[in-house]
């Protein structure tokens, strides 16, 4: 280990301090992190007040994390790290549905619902029917896949953001595809919305002149036996901010048309109760485990 700690020897000194039993992958990651971090500090001539502010900022990010809000995920999202990691991880699976960020509002246990159930528990907004199917990359249907769904309401808020307004689990549901891999549920067309700006991540957006909005979308986590789990979005075509998502998660392949339906027979079949309503269809293509590794 170097005994003369200088700008030139600093990174090597830290890397050489790692013990011989360090996990090889951990050594690879930390070694690269240290080299890039030290190079960054030298490049910008980092000052002690700036370093202190960074420590305070990260401390406040951690202090805003709880069971219903993850400010570190939010920070990762607005810096593009979440989507970069997803993109790197997903590039081997070209024909599968593209993955996106988890986001800060996922709840571990969505309520189990039956196919066709309505996840909108409030009754405002434009009624909507989502239909879809889960298939493998070869086109074969995947029966019994689970589809965890969550979304903002028509006003742009998640249930956890409005505990006195929305019933808990509004806009959420855990569905199981039928024997043909098909699923459907009722909801409302979601609205675009701002990510939380009342914490340090909001301060960062203001300081850099950025807006805080995400285009309208519905989240999905899909699991199926023998297949790689998938986290993805279904974006509402034409939504405001579709070209400038503050967390960089929009993929063209995930933008879906929410078409107006005026047929009373379809309204009755899908138990919507009135026309017009919206309908969107989403095919989810999953990658078998071990393929593309």
C-alpha atoms as a PDB file:
ATOM      1  CA  UNK A   1       0.000   0.000   0.000  1.00  0.00           C
ATOM      2  CA  UNK A   2       1.265   3.460  -0.872  1.00  0.00           C
ATOM      3  CA  UNK A   3       2.516   5.464   2.111  1.00  0.00           C
ATOM      4  CA  UNK A   4       2.641   8.795   0.270  1.00  0.00           C
ATOM      5  CA  UNK A   5      -1.005   9.660  -0.405  1.00  0.00           C
ATOM      6  CA  UNK A   6      -1.080  12.094  -3.335  1.00  0.00           C
ATOM      7  CA  UNK A   7      -3.547  12.946  -6.077  1.00  0.00           C
ATOM      8  CA  UNK A   8      -1.722  10.519  -8.336  1.00  0.00           C
ATOM      9  CA  UNK A   9      -1.441   7.640  -5.853  1.00  0.00           C
ATOM     10  CA  UNK A  10      -4.789   8.015  -4.082  1.00  0.00           C
ATOM     11  CA  UNK A  11      -6.849   5.578  -6.176  1.00  0.00           C
ATOM     12  CA  UNK A  12      -4.129   2.908  -6.169  1.00  0.00           C
ATOM     13  CA  UNK A  13      -3.770   3.229  -2.389  1.00  0.00           C
ATOM     14  CA  UNK A  14      -7.463   2.529  -1.851  1.00  0.00           C
ATOM     15  CA  UNK A  15      -7.584  -0.346  -4.328  1.00  0.00           C
ATOM     16  CA  UNK A  16      -4.475  -1.963  -2.840  1.00  0.00           C
ATOM     17  CA  UNK A  17      -6.165  -1.896   0.572  1.00  0.00           C
ATOM     18  CA  UNK A  18      -8.725  -4.496  -0.526  1.00  0.00           C
ATOM     19  CA  UNK A  19      -7.911  -7.821   1.134  1.00  0.00           C
ATOM     20  CA  UNK A  20      -7.041 -10.994  -0.803  1.00  0.00           C
ATOM     21  CA  UNK A  21     -10.350 -12.650   0.111  1.00  0.00           C
ATOM     22  CA  UNK A  22     -12.453  -9.877  -1.458  1.00  0.00           C
ATOM     23  CA  UNK A  23     -15.095 -11.285  -3.797  1.00  0.00           C
ATOM     24  CA  UNK A  24     -13.728 -10.926  -7.370  1.00  0.00           C
ATOM     25  CA  UNK A  25     -16.826  -9.180  -8.703  1.00  0.00           C
ATOM     26  CA  UNK A  26     -16.895  -6.818  -5.718  1.00  0.00           C
ATOM     27  CA  UNK A  27     -13.209  -6.067  -6.293  1.00  0.00           C
ATOM     28  CA  UNK A  28     -13.891  -5.318  -9.964  1.00  0.00           C
ATOM     29  CA  UNK A  29     -16.789  -2.994  -9.192  1.00  0.00           C
ATOM     30  CA  UNK A  30     -15.141  -1.138  -6.318  1.00  0.00           C
ATOM     31  CA  UNK A  31     -11.837  -0.755  -8.152  1.00  0.00           C
ATOM     32  CA  UNK A  32     -13.572   0.851 -11.102  1.00  0.00           C
ATOM     33  CA  UNK A  33     -15.746   2.989  -8.822  1.00  0.00           C
ATOM     34  CA  UNK A  34     -12.739   4.284  -6.898  1.00  0.00           C
ATOM     35  CA  UNK A  35     -10.819   5.135 -10.077  1.00  0.00           C
ATOM     36  CA  UNK A  36     -13.765   6.975 -11.619  1.00  0.00           C
ATOM     37  CA  UNK A  37     -14.663   8.740  -8.372  1.00  0.00           C
ATOM     38  CA  UNK A  38     -11.121   9.943  -7.793  1.00  0.00           C
ATOM     39  CA  UNK A  39     -10.793  11.013 -11.423  1.00  0.00           C
ATOM     40  CA  UNK A  40     -14.024  13.007 -11.089  1.00  0.00           C
ATOM     41  CA  UNK A  41     -12.771  14.793  -7.961  1.00  0.00           C
ATOM     42  CA  UNK A  42      -9.513  15.716  -9.705  1.00  0.00           C
ATOM     43  CA  UNK A  43     -11.284  16.818 -12.905  1.00  0.00           C
ATOM     44  CA  UNK A  44     -13.657  19.259 -11.185  1.00  0.00           C
ATOM     45  CA  UNK A  45     -11.118  20.319  -8.516  1.00  0.00           C
ATOM     46  CA  UNK A  46     -13.613  19.347  -5.808  1.00  0.00           C
ATOM     47  CA  UNK A  47     -13.537  21.697  -2.813  1.00  0.00           C
ATOM     48  CA  UNK A  48     -14.089  20.760   0.817  1.00  0.00           C
ATOM     49  CA  UNK A  49     -17.341  22.818   1.077  1.00  0.00           C
ATOM     50  CA  UNK A  50     -18.623  21.038  -2.049  1.00  0.00           C
ATOM     51  CA  UNK A  51     -17.671  17.671  -0.614  1.00  0.00           C
ATOM     52  CA  UNK A  52     -19.422  18.562   2.652  1.00  0.00           C
ATOM     53  CA  UNK A  53     -22.557  19.646   0.774  1.00  0.00           C
ATOM     54  CA  UNK A  54     -22.559  16.354  -1.153  1.00  0.00           C
ATOM     55  CA  UNK A  55     -22.383  14.401   2.112  1.00  0.00           C
ATOM     56  CA  UNK A  56     -25.221  16.464   3.582  1.00  0.00           C
ATOM     57  CA  UNK A  57     -27.278  16.017   0.413  1.00  0.00           C
ATOM     58  CA  UNK A  58     -26.894  12.230   0.415  1.00  0.00           C
ATOM     59  CA  UNK A  59     -27.667  12.139   4.139  1.00  0.00           C
ATOM     60  CA  UNK A  60     -30.929  13.995   3.509  1.00  0.00           C
ATOM     61  CA  UNK A  61     -31.748  11.622   0.642  1.00  0.00           C
ATOM     62  CA  UNK A  62     -31.444   8.710   3.045  1.00  0.00           C
ATOM     63  CA  UNK A  63     -33.535  10.465   5.661  1.00  0.00           C
ATOM     64  CA  UNK A  64     -36.426  10.780   3.173  1.00  0.00           C
ATOM     65  CA  UNK A  65     -36.577   7.005   2.616  1.00  0.00           C
ATOM     66  CA  UNK A  66     -39.261   4.961   4.352  1.00  0.00           C
ATOM     67  CA  UNK A  67     -41.630   2.070   3.624  1.00  0.00           C
ATOM     68  CA  UNK A  68     -43.630   4.174   1.154  1.00  0.00           C
ATOM     69  CA  UNK A  69     -40.991   6.388  -0.437  1.00  0.00           C
ATOM     70  CA  UNK A  70     -37.512   5.628  -1.750  1.00  0.00           C
ATOM     71  CA  UNK A  71     -35.640   8.880  -2.337  1.00  0.00           C
ATOM     72  CA  UNK A  72     -32.461   7.049  -3.405  1.00  0.00           C
ATOM     73  CA  UNK A  73     -34.382   5.326  -6.205  1.00  0.00           C
ATOM     74  CA  UNK A  74     -35.761   8.752  -7.140  1.00  0.00           C
ATOM     75  CA  UNK A  75     -32.231  10.172  -7.233  1.00  0.00           C
ATOM     76  CA  UNK A  76     -31.047   7.277  -9.358  1.00  0.00           C
ATOM     77  CA  UNK A  77     -34.038   7.819 -11.660  1.00  0.00           C
ATOM     78  CA  UNK A  78     -33.490  11.540 -12.311  1.00  0.00           C
ATOM     79  CA  UNK A  79     -29.769  11.004 -12.918  1.00  0.00           C
ATOM     80  CA  UNK A  80     -30.569   8.383 -15.544  1.00  0.00           C
ATOM     81  CA  UNK A  81     -28.807   5.631 -13.618  1.00  0.00           C
ATOM     82  CA  UNK A  82     -31.911   3.496 -13.176  1.00  0.00           C
ATOM     83  CA  UNK A  83     -32.683   3.432 -16.884  1.00  0.00           C
ATOM     84  CA  UNK A  84     -29.024   3.021 -17.834  1.00  0.00           C
ATOM     85  CA  UNK A  85     -28.780  -0.059 -15.611  1.00  0.00           C
ATOM     86  CA  UNK A  86     -32.034  -1.413 -17.059  1.00  0.00           C
ATOM     87  CA  UNK A  87     -30.811  -0.781 -20.596  1.00  0.00           C
ATOM     88  CA  UNK A  88     -27.468  -2.503 -19.988  1.00  0.00           C
ATOM     89  CA  UNK A  89     -29.187  -5.483 -18.379  1.00  0.00           C
ATOM     90  CA  UNK A  90     -31.828  -5.709 -21.102  1.00  0.00           C
ATOM     91  CA  UNK A  91     -29.681  -5.381 -24.236  1.00  0.00           C
ATOM     92  CA  UNK A  92     -29.197  -9.174 -24.483  1.00  0.00           C
ATOM     93  CA  UNK A  93     -32.922  -9.757 -24.735  1.00  0.00           C
ATOM     94  CA  UNK A  94     -33.729  -7.966 -27.985  1.00  0.00           C
ATOM     95  CA  UNK A  95     -37.077  -9.533 -28.844  1.00  0.00           C
ATOM     96  CA  UNK A  96     -38.469  -9.430 -25.318  1.00  0.00           C
ATOM     97  CA  UNK A  97     -40.556  -6.513 -24.068  1.00  0.00           C
ATOM     98  CA  UNK A  98     -38.246  -3.699 -23.026  1.00  0.00           C
ATOM     99  CA  UNK A  99     -37.777  -3.135 -19.310  1.00  0.00           C
ATOM    100  CA  UNK A 100     -38.093   0.130 -17.431  1.00  0.00           C
ATOM    101  CA  UNK A 101     -37.585   1.555 -13.952  1.00  0.00           C
ATOM    102  CA  UNK A 102     -39.390   0.294 -10.879  1.00  0.00           C
ATOM    103  CA  UNK A 103     -40.085   3.806  -9.620  1.00  0.00           C
ATOM    104  CA  UNK A 104     -40.526   4.994  -6.027  1.00  0.00           C
ATOM    105  CA  UNK A 105     -44.184   4.024  -5.525  1.00  0.00           C
ATOM    106  CA  UNK A 106     -44.191   0.254  -5.926  1.00  0.00           C
ATOM    107  CA  UNK A 107     -45.807  -1.583  -3.008  1.00  0.00           C
ATOM    108  CA  UNK A 108     -44.473  -5.076  -2.339  1.00  0.00           C
ATOM    109  CA  UNK A 109     -47.864  -6.698  -1.874  1.00  0.00           C
ATOM    110  CA  UNK A 110     -50.508  -5.554  -4.345  1.00  0.00           C
ATOM    111  CA  UNK A 111     -54.002  -6.915  -3.603  1.00  0.00           C
ATOM    112  CA  UNK A 112     -54.831 -10.130  -5.438  1.00  0.00           C
ATOM    113  CA  UNK A 113     -57.591  -9.470  -7.946  1.00  0.00           C
ATOM    114  CA  UNK A 114     -59.554 -11.558 -10.428  1.00  0.00           C
ATOM    115  CA  UNK A 115     -59.368 -11.023 -14.169  1.00  0.00           C
ATOM    116  CA  UNK A 116     -61.736  -8.245 -15.153  1.00  0.00           C
ATOM    117  CA  UNK A 117     -61.706  -6.571 -11.750  1.00  0.00           C
ATOM    118  CA  UNK A 118     -61.662  -2.796 -11.537  1.00  0.00           C
ATOM    119  CA  UNK A 119     -58.551  -1.398  -9.828  1.00  0.00           C
ATOM    120  CA  UNK A 120     -60.079   2.081  -9.773  1.00  0.00           C
ATOM    121  CA  UNK A 121     -61.774   2.373  -6.389  1.00  0.00           C
ATOM    122  CA  UNK A 122     -62.709   6.051  -6.695  1.00  0.00           C
ATOM    123  CA  UNK A 123     -64.859   6.279  -9.818  1.00  0.00           C
ATOM    124  CA  UNK A 124     -63.487   9.453 -11.374  1.00  0.00           C
ATOM    125  CA  UNK A 125     -61.727   9.857 -14.695  1.00  0.00           C
ATOM    126  CA  UNK A 126     -62.209   8.161 -18.044  1.00  0.00           C
ATOM    127  CA  UNK A 127     -63.030   4.452 -17.681  1.00  0.00           C
ATOM    128  CA  UNK A 128     -60.534   2.192 -19.366  1.00  0.00           C
ATOM    129  CA  UNK A 129     -60.172  -1.489 -20.187  1.00  0.00           C
ATOM    130  CA  UNK A 130     -56.699  -2.994 -20.485  1.00  0.00           C
ATOM    131  CA  UNK A 131     -56.384  -6.290 -22.319  1.00  0.00           C
ATOM    132  CA  UNK A 132     -53.235  -8.230 -22.998  1.00  0.00           C
ATOM    133  CA  UNK A 133     -51.411 -11.480 -23.199  1.00  0.00           C
ATOM    134  CA  UNK A 134     -48.130 -12.874 -21.894  1.00  0.00           C
ATOM    135  CA  UNK A 135     -46.041 -14.806 -24.414  1.00  0.00           C
ATOM    136  CA  UNK A 136     -42.566 -16.262 -24.650  1.00  0.00           C
ATOM    137  CA  UNK A 137     -40.099 -15.046 -27.284  1.00  0.00           C
ATOM    138  CA  UNK A 138     -41.162 -17.865 -29.602  1.00  0.00           C
ATOM    139  CA  UNK A 139     -44.746 -16.611 -29.525  1.00  0.00           C
ATOM    140  CA  UNK A 140     -46.123 -19.383 -27.327  1.00  0.00           C
ATOM    141  CA  UNK A 141     -48.615 -18.300 -24.666  1.00  0.00           C
ATOM    142  CA  UNK A 142     -47.571 -18.455 -21.015  1.00  0.00           C
ATOM    143  CA  UNK A 143     -50.448 -19.607 -18.782  1.00  0.00           C
ATOM    144  CA  UNK A 144     -50.497 -18.578 -15.155  1.00  0.00           C
ATOM    145  CA  UNK A 145     -48.122 -15.622 -15.412  1.00  0.00           C
ATOM    146  CA  UNK A 146     -48.617 -13.084 -12.622  1.00  0.00           C
ATOM    147  CA  UNK A 147     -49.038  -9.437 -13.543  1.00  0.00           C
ATOM    148  CA  UNK A 148     -48.487  -6.866 -10.786  1.00  0.00           C
ATOM    149  CA  UNK A 149     -50.075  -3.571 -11.855  1.00  0.00           C
ATOM    150  CA  UNK A 150     -49.992  -0.098 -10.328  1.00  0.00           C
ATOM    151  CA  UNK A 151     -50.709   3.400 -11.601  1.00  0.00           C
ATOM    152  CA  UNK A 152     -51.503   6.988 -10.694  1.00  0.00           C
ATOM    153  CA  UNK A 153     -55.107   8.133 -10.782  1.00  0.00           C
ATOM    154  CA  UNK A 154     -56.639  10.548 -13.277  1.00  0.00           C
ATOM    155  CA  UNK A 155     -55.367  13.465 -11.161  1.00  0.00           C
ATOM    156  CA  UNK A 156     -51.757  12.284 -11.228  1.00  0.00           C
ATOM    157  CA  UNK A 157     -51.401  10.882  -7.717  1.00  0.00           C
ATOM    158  CA  UNK A 158     -50.701   7.415  -6.298  1.00  0.00           C
ATOM    159  CA  UNK A 159     -52.697   6.089  -3.365  1.00  0.00           C
ATOM    160  CA  UNK A 160     -49.752   6.461  -0.963  1.00  0.00           C
ATOM    161  CA  UNK A 161     -49.532  10.159  -1.825  1.00  0.00           C
ATOM    162  CA  UNK A 162     -53.162  10.811  -0.882  1.00  0.00           C
ATOM    163  CA  UNK A 163     -53.996   8.589   2.098  1.00  0.00           C
ATOM    164  CA  UNK A 164     -56.942  10.837   3.030  1.00  0.00           C
ATOM    165  CA  UNK A 165     -58.317  10.951  -0.522  1.00  0.00           C
ATOM    166  CA  UNK A 166     -57.670   7.583  -2.153  1.00  0.00           C
ATOM    167  CA  UNK A 167     -58.388   4.178  -0.607  1.00  0.00           C
ATOM    168  CA  UNK A 168     -55.232   2.220   0.039  1.00  0.00           C
ATOM    169  CA  UNK A 169     -54.480  -0.041  -2.953  1.00  0.00           C
ATOM    170  CA  UNK A 170     -56.376   2.202  -5.376  1.00  0.00           C
ATOM    171  CA  UNK A 171     -54.848   1.689  -8.803  1.00  0.00           C
ATOM    172  CA  UNK A 172     -53.128  -1.547  -7.792  1.00  0.00           C
ATOM    173  CA  UNK A 173     -53.736  -5.206  -8.469  1.00  0.00           C
ATOM    174  CA  UNK A 174     -52.041  -8.582  -8.785  1.00  0.00           C
ATOM    175  CA  UNK A 175     -53.560 -10.609 -11.628  1.00  0.00           C
ATOM    176  CA  UNK A 176     -52.934 -14.124 -12.905  1.00  0.00           C
ATOM    177  CA  UNK A 177     -53.130 -14.780 -16.646  1.00  0.00           C
ATOM    178  CA  UNK A 178     -55.552 -17.480 -17.770  1.00  0.00           C
ATOM    179  CA  UNK A 179     -54.737 -20.750 -19.547  1.00  0.00           C
ATOM    180  CA  UNK A 180     -54.138 -18.811 -22.801  1.00  0.00           C
ATOM    181  CA  UNK A 181     -51.792 -16.331 -21.157  1.00  0.00           C
ATOM    182  CA  UNK A 182     -54.441 -13.625 -21.428  1.00  0.00           C
ATOM    183  CA  UNK A 183     -55.348 -10.993 -18.868  1.00  0.00           C
ATOM    184  CA  UNK A 184     -57.657  -8.003 -18.616  1.00  0.00           C
ATOM    185  CA  UNK A 185     -58.737  -5.488 -16.026  1.00  0.00           C
ATOM    186  CA  UNK A 186     -60.668  -2.264 -15.689  1.00  0.00           C
ATOM    187  CA  UNK A 187     -59.238   1.037 -14.513  1.00  0.00           C
ATOM    188  CA  UNK A 188     -59.151   4.715 -15.502  1.00  0.00           C
ATOM    189  CA  UNK A 189     -56.809   6.379 -17.958  1.00  0.00           C
ATOM    190  CA  UNK A 190     -53.917   7.606 -15.788  1.00  0.00           C
ATOM    191  CA  UNK A 191     -52.645  11.170 -15.876  1.00  0.00           C
ATOM    192  CA  UNK A 192     -49.154  12.531 -16.259  1.00  0.00           C
ATOM    193  CA  UNK A 193     -47.785  13.535 -12.861  1.00  0.00           C
ATOM    194  CA  UNK A 194     -44.802  15.073 -11.062  1.00  0.00           C
ATOM    195  CA  UNK A 195     -42.396  12.983  -9.066  1.00  0.00           C
ATOM    196  CA  UNK A 196     -42.113  14.169  -5.434  1.00  0.00           C
ATOM    197  CA  UNK A 197     -40.265  17.478  -5.261  1.00  0.00           C
ATOM    198  CA  UNK A 198     -40.479  18.137  -1.520  1.00  0.00           C
ATOM    199  CA  UNK A 199     -37.130  16.482  -0.827  1.00  0.00           C
ATOM    200  CA  UNK A 200     -33.502  16.790  -1.890  1.00  0.00           C
ATOM    201  CA  UNK A 201     -34.187  15.320  -5.345  1.00  0.00           C
ATOM    202  CA  UNK A 202     -36.664  18.134  -5.938  1.00  0.00           C
ATOM    203  CA  UNK A 203     -33.984  20.631  -4.928  1.00  0.00           C
ATOM    204  CA  UNK A 204     -31.669  19.069  -7.495  1.00  0.00           C
ATOM    205  CA  UNK A 205     -34.261  19.425 -10.257  1.00  0.00           C
ATOM    206  CA  UNK A 206     -34.818  23.085  -9.411  1.00  0.00           C
ATOM    207  CA  UNK A 207     -31.082  23.778  -9.279  1.00  0.00           C
ATOM    208  CA  UNK A 208     -30.631  22.283 -12.747  1.00  0.00           C
ATOM    209  CA  UNK A 209     -33.704  23.890 -14.330  1.00  0.00           C
ATOM    210  CA  UNK A 210     -35.533  20.620 -14.952  1.00  0.00           C
ATOM    211  CA  UNK A 211     -39.224  19.808 -14.739  1.00  0.00           C
ATOM    212  CA  UNK A 212     -40.421  16.977 -12.492  1.00  0.00           C
ATOM    213  CA  UNK A 213     -43.055  15.381 -14.716  1.00  0.00           C
ATOM    214  CA  UNK A 214     -43.589  11.865 -15.992  1.00  0.00           C
ATOM    215  CA  UNK A 215     -45.937  11.051 -18.881  1.00  0.00           C
ATOM    216  CA  UNK A 216     -49.060   8.995 -18.164  1.00  0.00           C
ATOM    217  CA  UNK A 217     -48.339   5.278 -17.788  1.00  0.00           C
ATOM    218  CA  UNK A 218     -49.231   2.021 -16.095  1.00  0.00           C
ATOM    219  CA  UNK A 219     -46.542  -0.058 -14.354  1.00  0.00           C
ATOM    220  CA  UNK A 220     -46.200  -3.824 -14.753  1.00  0.00           C
ATOM    221  CA  UNK A 221     -44.081  -6.458 -13.039  1.00  0.00           C
ATOM    222  CA  UNK A 222     -44.542  -9.811 -14.759  1.00  0.00           C
ATOM    223  CA  UNK A 223     -43.384 -13.174 -13.455  1.00  0.00           C
ATOM    224  CA  UNK A 224     -43.739 -16.544 -15.162  1.00  0.00           C
ATOM    225  CA  UNK A 225     -42.242 -19.971 -14.459  1.00  0.00           C
ATOM    226  CA  UNK A 226     -39.036 -20.540 -16.397  1.00  0.00           C
ATOM    227  CA  UNK A 227     -38.830 -16.931 -17.564  1.00  0.00           C
ATOM    228  CA  UNK A 228     -36.862 -13.858 -16.588  1.00  0.00           C
ATOM    229  CA  UNK A 229     -38.918 -11.436 -14.434  1.00  0.00           C
ATOM    230  CA  UNK A 230     -39.862  -8.240 -16.251  1.00  0.00           C
ATOM    231  CA  UNK A 231     -40.516  -4.722 -14.963  1.00  0.00           C
ATOM    232  CA  UNK A 232     -41.978  -2.458 -17.602  1.00  0.00           C
ATOM    233  CA  UNK A 233     -44.423   0.376 -18.384  1.00  0.00           C
ATOM    234  CA  UNK A 234     -47.324   0.941 -20.735  1.00  0.00           C
ATOM    235  CA  UNK A 235     -47.233   4.612 -21.777  1.00  0.00           C
ATOM    236  CA  UNK A 236     -50.305   6.517 -22.960  1.00  0.00           C
ATOM    237  CA  UNK A 237     -49.697   7.712 -26.518  1.00  0.00           C
ATOM    238  CA  UNK A 238     -49.986  11.479 -26.841  1.00  0.00           C
ATOM    239  CA  UNK A 239     -49.514  12.133 -23.137  1.00  0.00           C
ATOM    240  CA  UNK A 240     -47.849  15.363 -22.165  1.00  0.00           C
ATOM    241  CA  UNK A 241     -44.139  14.878 -21.377  1.00  0.00           C
ATOM    242  CA  UNK A 242     -43.930  11.722 -23.496  1.00  0.00           C
ATOM    243  CA  UNK A 243     -40.815  13.238 -25.095  1.00  0.00           C
ATOM    244  CA  UNK A 244     -39.246  14.505 -21.863  1.00  0.00           C
ATOM    245  CA  UNK A 245     -39.862  11.982 -19.096  1.00  0.00           C
ATOM    246  CA  UNK A 246     -37.906  13.266 -16.108  1.00  0.00           C
ATOM    247  CA  UNK A 247     -36.635   9.732 -15.366  1.00  0.00           C
ATOM    248  CA  UNK A 248     -35.836   8.916 -19.031  1.00  0.00           C
ATOM    249  CA  UNK A 249     -37.958   5.736 -19.042  1.00  0.00           C
ATOM    250  CA  UNK A 250     -39.991   6.107 -22.246  1.00  0.00           C
ATOM    251  CA  UNK A 251     -39.311   3.509 -24.923  1.00  0.00           C
ATOM    252  CA  UNK A 252     -41.124   3.791 -28.252  1.00  0.00           C
ATOM    253  CA  UNK A 253     -42.043   0.111 -28.146  1.00  0.00           C
ATOM    254  CA  UNK A 254     -43.947   0.691 -24.889  1.00  0.00           C
ATOM    255  CA  UNK A 255     -46.162   3.550 -26.089  1.00  0.00           C
ATOM    256  CA  UNK A 256     -49.729   2.304 -26.590  1.00  0.00           C
ATOM    257  CA  UNK A 257     -52.816   3.841 -28.157  1.00  0.00           C
ATOM    258  CA  UNK A 258     -55.687   4.291 -25.729  1.00  0.00           C
ATOM    259  CA  UNK A 259     -58.541   4.208 -28.217  1.00  0.00           C
ATOM    260  CA  UNK A 260     -62.013   5.579 -27.569  1.00  0.00           C
ATOM    261  CA  UNK A 261     -64.751   2.930 -27.647  1.00  0.00           C
ATOM    262  CA  UNK A 262     -68.373   3.928 -28.283  1.00  0.00           C
ATOM    263  CA  UNK A 263     -69.930   0.477 -28.770  1.00  0.00           C
ATOM    264  CA  UNK A 264     -72.513  -0.180 -26.001  1.00  0.00           C
ATOM    265  CA  UNK A 265     -72.216  -3.938 -26.583  1.00  0.00           C
ATOM    266  CA  UNK A 266     -68.507  -3.831 -25.738  1.00  0.00           C
ATOM    267  CA  UNK A 267     -69.246  -1.663 -22.725  1.00  0.00           C
ATOM    268  CA  UNK A 268     -71.637  -4.336 -21.492  1.00  0.00           C
ATOM    269  CA  UNK A 269     -69.258  -7.197 -22.298  1.00  0.00           C
ATOM    270  CA  UNK A 270     -66.383  -5.533 -20.448  1.00  0.00           C
ATOM    271  CA  UNK A 271     -68.632  -4.362 -17.589  1.00  0.00           C
ATOM    272  CA  UNK A 272     -67.708  -0.730 -18.070  1.00  0.00           C
ATOM    273  CA  UNK A 273     -71.282   0.449 -17.735  1.00  0.00           C
ATOM    274  CA  UNK A 274     -71.104   3.421 -20.058  1.00  0.00           C
ATOM    275  CA  UNK A 275     -69.653   4.783 -23.268  1.00  0.00           C
ATOM    276  CA  UNK A 276     -67.393   6.248 -24.331  1.00  0.00           C
ATOM    277  CA  UNK A 277     -64.494   4.516 -22.602  1.00  0.00           C
ATOM    278  CA  UNK A 278     -60.887   3.799 -23.527  1.00  0.00           C
ATOM    279  CA  UNK A 279     -59.276   0.521 -24.477  1.00  0.00           C
ATOM    280  CA  UNK A 280     -55.605  -0.370 -24.790  1.00  0.00           C
ATOM    281  CA  UNK A 281     -53.939  -3.692 -25.545  1.00  0.00           C
ATOM    282  CA  UNK A 282     -50.503  -4.763 -24.314  1.00  0.00           C
ATOM    283  CA  UNK A 283     -48.585  -7.861 -25.385  1.00  0.00           C
ATOM    284  CA  UNK A 284     -45.840  -8.788 -22.937  1.00  0.00           C
ATOM    285  CA  UNK A 285     -43.001 -10.870 -24.395  1.00  0.00           C
ATOM    286  CA  UNK A 286     -40.857 -12.679 -21.847  1.00  0.00           C
ATOM    287  CA  UNK A 287     -37.360 -14.087 -22.132  1.00  0.00           C
ATOM    288  CA  UNK A 288     -36.795 -17.711 -20.998  1.00  0.00           C
ATOM    289  CA  UNK A 289     -34.282 -18.059 -18.199  1.00  0.00           C
ATOM    290  CA  UNK A 290     -30.776 -18.856 -19.413  1.00  0.00           C
ATOM    291  CA  UNK A 291     -31.354 -17.443 -22.906  1.00  0.00           C
ATOM    292  CA  UNK A 292     -29.240 -14.511 -23.978  1.00  0.00           C
ATOM    293  CA  UNK A 293     -26.909 -14.827 -21.019  1.00  0.00           C
END
